[in-house]
Amino acid sequence: MQLHNKLSKEALKANLMNEPFNRITLSFYKYFKIAGNKSWISRVHWHQTL
């Protein structure tokens, strides 16, 4: 399994710029409330500090 690019960042950018079509990036989000968010935030912060 390959976990790295075969081409450099510059080569990939050049390939994108030379494509004969334009790309559009779309993002979709759904926001929701988290019950008990104080304890959830403290657990997430604790895991990030490990």
PDB file of N, CA and C in Angstrom:
ATOM      1  N   MET A   1       0.844  -1.175   0.000  1.00  0.00           N
ATOM      2  CA  MET A   1       0.000   0.000   0.000  1.00  0.00           C
ATOM      3  C   MET A   1       0.892   1.242   0.000  1.00  0.00           C
ATOM      4  N   GLN A   2       0.575   2.171  -0.897  1.00  0.00           N
ATOM      5  CA  GLN A   2       1.349   3.404  -1.013  1.00  0.00           C
ATOM      6  C   GLN A   2       0.709   4.507  -0.183  1.00  0.00           C
ATOM      7  N   LEU A   3       1.499   5.164   0.663  1.00  0.00           N
ATOM      8  CA  LEU A   3       0.979   6.225   1.510  1.00  0.00           C
ATOM      9  C   LEU A   3       1.632   7.569   1.223  1.00  0.00           C
ATOM     10  N   HIS A   4       2.155   7.733   0.021  1.00  0.00           N
ATOM     11  CA  HIS A   4       2.784   9.005  -0.332  1.00  0.00           C
ATOM     12  C   HIS A   4       2.564   9.266  -1.816  1.00  0.00           C
ATOM     13  N   ASN A   5       2.709  10.525  -2.217  1.00  0.00           N
ATOM     14  CA  ASN A   5       2.554  10.898  -3.622  1.00  0.00           C
ATOM     15  C   ASN A   5       3.776  10.473  -4.423  1.00  0.00           C
ATOM     16  N   LYS A   6       3.541  10.052  -5.653  1.00  0.00           N
ATOM     17  CA  LYS A   6       4.653   9.716  -6.544  1.00  0.00           C
ATOM     18  C   LYS A   6       5.207  10.966  -7.212  1.00  0.00           C
ATOM     19  N   LEU A   7       4.384  12.012  -7.283  1.00  0.00           N
ATOM     20  CA  LEU A   7       4.791  13.267  -7.914  1.00  0.00           C
ATOM     21  C   LEU A   7       5.003  14.334  -6.851  1.00  0.00           C
ATOM     22  N   SER A   8       5.827  15.306  -7.182  1.00  0.00           N
ATOM     23  CA  SER A   8       6.067  16.413  -6.250  1.00  0.00           C
ATOM     24  C   SER A   8       4.859  17.353  -6.225  1.00  0.00           C
ATOM     25  N   LYS A   9       4.807  18.203  -5.221  1.00  0.00           N
ATOM     26  CA  LYS A   9       3.734  19.186  -5.102  1.00  0.00           C
ATOM     27  C   LYS A   9       3.688  20.086  -6.330  1.00  0.00           C
ATOM     28  N   GLU A  10       4.847  20.489  -6.800  1.00  0.00           N
ATOM     29  CA  GLU A  10       4.916  21.371  -7.976  1.00  0.00           C
ATOM     30  C   GLU A  10       4.384  20.666  -9.214  1.00  0.00           C
ATOM     31  N   ALA A  11       4.729  19.389  -9.404  1.00  0.00           N
ATOM     32  CA  ALA A  11       4.261  18.636 -10.572  1.00  0.00           C
ATOM     33  C   ALA A  11       2.743  18.450 -10.516  1.00  0.00           C
ATOM     34  N   LEU A  12       2.201  18.183  -9.343  1.00  0.00           N
ATOM     35  CA  LEU A  12       0.753  18.024  -9.203  1.00  0.00           C
ATOM     36  C   LEU A  12       0.026  19.331  -9.508  1.00  0.00           C
ATOM     37  N   LYS A  13       0.572  20.466  -9.016  1.00  0.00           N
ATOM     38  CA  LYS A  13      -0.030  21.769  -9.315  1.00  0.00           C
ATOM     39  C   LYS A  13       0.016  22.054 -10.809  1.00  0.00           C
ATOM     40  N   ALA A  14       1.140  21.741 -11.458  1.00  0.00           N
ATOM     41  CA  ALA A  14       1.270  21.957 -12.901  1.00  0.00           C
ATOM     42  C   ALA A  14       0.248  21.113 -13.658  1.00  0.00           C
ATOM     43  N   ASN A  15       0.044  19.876 -13.226  1.00  0.00           N
ATOM     44  CA  ASN A  15      -0.946  19.013 -13.871  1.00  0.00           C
ATOM     45  C   ASN A  15      -2.345  19.606 -13.747  1.00  0.00           C
ATOM     46  N   LEU A  16      -2.682  20.126 -12.569  1.00  0.00           N
ATOM     47  CA  LEU A  16      -3.998  20.742 -12.382  1.00  0.00           C
ATOM     48  C   LEU A  16      -4.176  21.967 -13.273  1.00  0.00           C
ATOM     49  N   MET A  17      -3.139  22.775 -13.366  1.00  0.00           N
ATOM     50  CA  MET A  17      -3.232  23.997 -14.169  1.00  0.00           C
ATOM     51  C   MET A  17      -3.361  23.697 -15.657  1.00  0.00           C
ATOM     52  N   ASN A  18      -2.868  22.538 -16.091  1.00  0.00           N
ATOM     53  CA  ASN A  18      -2.902  22.180 -17.514  1.00  0.00           C
ATOM     54  C   ASN A  18      -4.119  21.349 -17.906  1.00  0.00           C
ATOM     55  N   GLU A  19      -5.018  21.081 -16.973  1.00  0.00           N
ATOM     56  CA  GLU A  19      -6.224  20.330 -17.319  1.00  0.00           C
ATOM     57  C   GLU A  19      -7.113  21.176 -18.219  1.00  0.00           C
ATOM     58  N   PRO A  20      -7.787  20.555 -19.183  1.00  0.00           N
ATOM     59  CA  PRO A  20      -8.610  21.322 -20.128  1.00  0.00           C
ATOM     60  C   PRO A  20      -9.978  21.714 -19.572  1.00  0.00           C
ATOM     61  N   PHE A  21     -10.213  21.551 -18.287  1.00  0.00           N
ATOM     62  CA  PHE A  21     -11.499  21.903 -17.694  1.00  0.00           C
ATOM     63  C   PHE A  21     -11.256  22.548 -16.333  1.00  0.00           C
ATOM     64  N   ASN A  22     -12.264  23.247 -15.827  1.00  0.00           N
ATOM     65  CA  ASN A  22     -12.182  23.891 -14.519  1.00  0.00           C
ATOM     66  C   ASN A  22     -12.834  22.999 -13.469  1.00  0.00           C
ATOM     67  N   ARG A  23     -12.258  22.985 -12.292  1.00  0.00           N
ATOM     68  CA  ARG A  23     -12.827  22.223 -11.184  1.00  0.00           C
ATOM     69  C   ARG A  23     -13.579  23.162 -10.247  1.00  0.00           C
ATOM     70  N   ILE A  24     -14.600  22.621  -9.597  1.00  0.00           N
ATOM     71  CA  ILE A  24     -15.361  23.354  -8.590  1.00  0.00           C
ATOM     72  C   ILE A  24     -15.354  22.504  -7.335  1.00  0.00           C
ATOM     73  N   THR A  25     -15.070  23.126  -6.209  1.00  0.00           N
ATOM     74  CA  THR A  25     -15.096  22.427  -4.931  1.00  0.00           C
ATOM     75  C   THR A  25     -16.372  22.787  -4.192  1.00  0.00           C
ATOM     76  N   LEU A  26     -17.113  21.773  -3.777  1.00  0.00           N
ATOM     77  CA  LEU A  26     -18.344  21.968  -3.017  1.00  0.00           C
ATOM     78  C   LEU A  26     -18.191  21.326  -1.647  1.00  0.00           C
ATOM     79  N   SER A  27     -18.721  21.985  -0.649  1.00  0.00           N
ATOM     80  CA  SER A  27     -18.700  21.436   0.702  1.00  0.00           C
ATOM     81  C   SER A  27     -20.103  21.524   1.279  1.00  0.00           C
ATOM     82  N   PHE A  28     -20.494  20.470   1.971  1.00  0.00           N
ATOM     83  CA  PHE A  28     -21.807  20.436   2.603  1.00  0.00           C
ATOM     84  C   PHE A  28     -21.609  20.173   4.088  1.00  0.00           C
ATOM     85  N   TYR A  29     -22.290  20.940   4.919  1.00  0.00           N
ATOM     86  CA  TYR A  29     -22.158  20.815   6.358  1.00  0.00           C
ATOM     87  C   TYR A  29     -23.534  20.637   6.975  1.00  0.00           C
ATOM     88  N   LYS A  30     -23.561  19.903   8.047  1.00  0.00           N
ATOM     89  CA  LYS A  30     -24.772  19.813   8.855  1.00  0.00           C
ATOM     90  C   LYS A  30     -24.353  20.056  10.292  1.00  0.00           C
ATOM     91  N   TYR A  31     -24.875  21.111  10.882  1.00  0.00           N
ATOM     92  CA  TYR A  31     -24.547  21.463  12.254  1.00  0.00           C
ATOM     93  C   TYR A  31     -25.582  20.849  13.192  1.00  0.00           C
ATOM     94  N   PHE A  32     -25.134  20.436  14.345  1.00  0.00           N
ATOM     95  CA  PHE A  32     -26.052  19.888  15.328  1.00  0.00           C
ATOM     96  C   PHE A  32     -25.550  20.225  16.722  1.00  0.00           C
ATOM     97  N   LYS A  33     -26.469  20.265  17.652  1.00  0.00           N
ATOM     98  CA  LYS A  33     -26.120  20.569  19.037  1.00  0.00           C
ATOM     99  C   LYS A  33     -25.673  19.289  19.725  1.00  0.00           C
ATOM    100  N   ILE A  34     -24.675  19.419  20.572  1.00  0.00           N
ATOM    101  CA  ILE A  34     -24.163  18.289  21.329  1.00  0.00           C
ATOM    102  C   ILE A  34     -24.655  18.418  22.757  1.00  0.00           C
ATOM    103  N   ALA A  35     -25.393  17.405  23.212  1.00  0.00           N
ATOM    104  CA  ALA A  35     -25.879  17.412  24.595  1.00  0.00           C
ATOM    105  C   ALA A  35     -24.697  17.176  25.530  1.00  0.00           C
ATOM    106  N   GLY A  36     -24.628  17.933  26.604  1.00  0.00           N
ATOM    107  CA  GLY A  36     -23.516  17.780  27.540  1.00  0.00           C
ATOM    108  C   GLY A  36     -22.196  18.182  26.910  1.00  0.00           C
ATOM    109  N   ASN A  37     -22.187  19.288  26.185  1.00  0.00           N
ATOM    110  CA  ASN A  37     -21.008  19.683  25.413  1.00  0.00           C
ATOM    111  C   ASN A  37     -19.788  19.995  26.272  1.00  0.00           C
ATOM    112  N   LYS A  38     -19.969  20.415  27.504  1.00  0.00           N
ATOM    113  CA  LYS A  38     -18.801  20.722  28.352  1.00  0.00           C
ATOM    114  C   LYS A  38     -17.962  19.468  28.593  1.00  0.00           C
ATOM    115  N   SER A  39     -18.603  18.359  28.935  1.00  0.00           N
ATOM    116  CA  SER A  39     -17.842  17.134  29.169  1.00  0.00           C
ATOM    117  C   SER A  39     -17.266  16.602  27.863  1.00  0.00           C
ATOM    118  N   TRP A  40     -17.988  16.753  26.760  1.00  0.00           N
ATOM    119  CA  TRP A  40     -17.496  16.302  25.457  1.00  0.00           C
ATOM    120  C   TRP A  40     -16.250  17.085  25.063  1.00  0.00           C
ATOM    121  N   ILE A  41     -16.283  18.391  25.242  1.00  0.00           N
ATOM    122  CA  ILE A  41     -15.132  19.233  24.888  1.00  0.00           C
ATOM    123  C   ILE A  41     -13.926  18.867  25.740  1.00  0.00           C
ATOM    124  N   SER A  42     -14.135  18.633  27.029  1.00  0.00           N
ATOM    125  CA  SER A  42     -12.999  18.289  27.889  1.00  0.00           C
ATOM    126  C   SER A  42     -12.415  16.934  27.502  1.00  0.00           C
ATOM    127  N   ARG A  43     -13.250  15.970  27.088  1.00  0.00           N
ATOM    128  CA  ARG A  43     -12.730  14.663  26.645  1.00  0.00           C
ATOM    129  C   ARG A  43     -11.937  14.803  25.342  1.00  0.00           C
ATOM    130  N   VAL A  44     -12.450  15.598  24.403  1.00  0.00           N
ATOM    131  CA  VAL A  44     -11.731  15.796  23.138  1.00  0.00           C
ATOM    132  C   VAL A  44     -10.402  16.474  23.401  1.00  0.00           C
ATOM    133  N   HIS A  45     -10.395  17.492  24.233  1.00  0.00           N
ATOM    134  CA  HIS A  45      -9.150  18.194  24.552  1.00  0.00           C
ATOM    135  C   HIS A  45      -8.159  17.252  25.222  1.00  0.00           C
ATOM    136  N   TRP A  46      -8.638  16.385  26.116  1.00  0.00           N
ATOM    137  CA  TRP A  46      -7.755  15.454  26.809  1.00  0.00           C
ATOM    138  C   TRP A  46      -7.105  14.502  25.808  1.00  0.00           C
ATOM    139  N   HIS A  47      -7.862  14.010  24.827  1.00  0.00           N
ATOM    140  CA  HIS A  47      -7.305  13.086  23.831  1.00  0.00           C
ATOM    141  C   HIS A  47      -6.277  13.784  22.935  1.00  0.00           C
ATOM    142  N   GLN A  48      -6.474  15.058  22.674  1.00  0.00           N
ATOM    143  CA  GLN A  48      -5.536  15.785  21.829  1.00  0.00           C
ATOM    144  C   GLN A  48      -4.225  16.063  22.541  1.00  0.00           C
ATOM    145  N   THR A  49      -4.211  16.040  23.850  1.00  0.00           N
ATOM    146  CA  THR A  49      -2.986  16.338  24.585  1.00  0.00           C
ATOM    147  C   THR A  49      -2.152  15.086  24.832  1.00  0.00           C
ATOM    148  N   LEU A  50      -2.657  13.913  24.449  1.00  0.00           N
ATOM    149  CA  LEU A  50      -1.896  12.669  24.645  1.00  0.00           C
ATOM    150  C   LEU A  50      -0.726  12.573  23.700  1.00  0.00           C
TER     151      LEU A  50
END
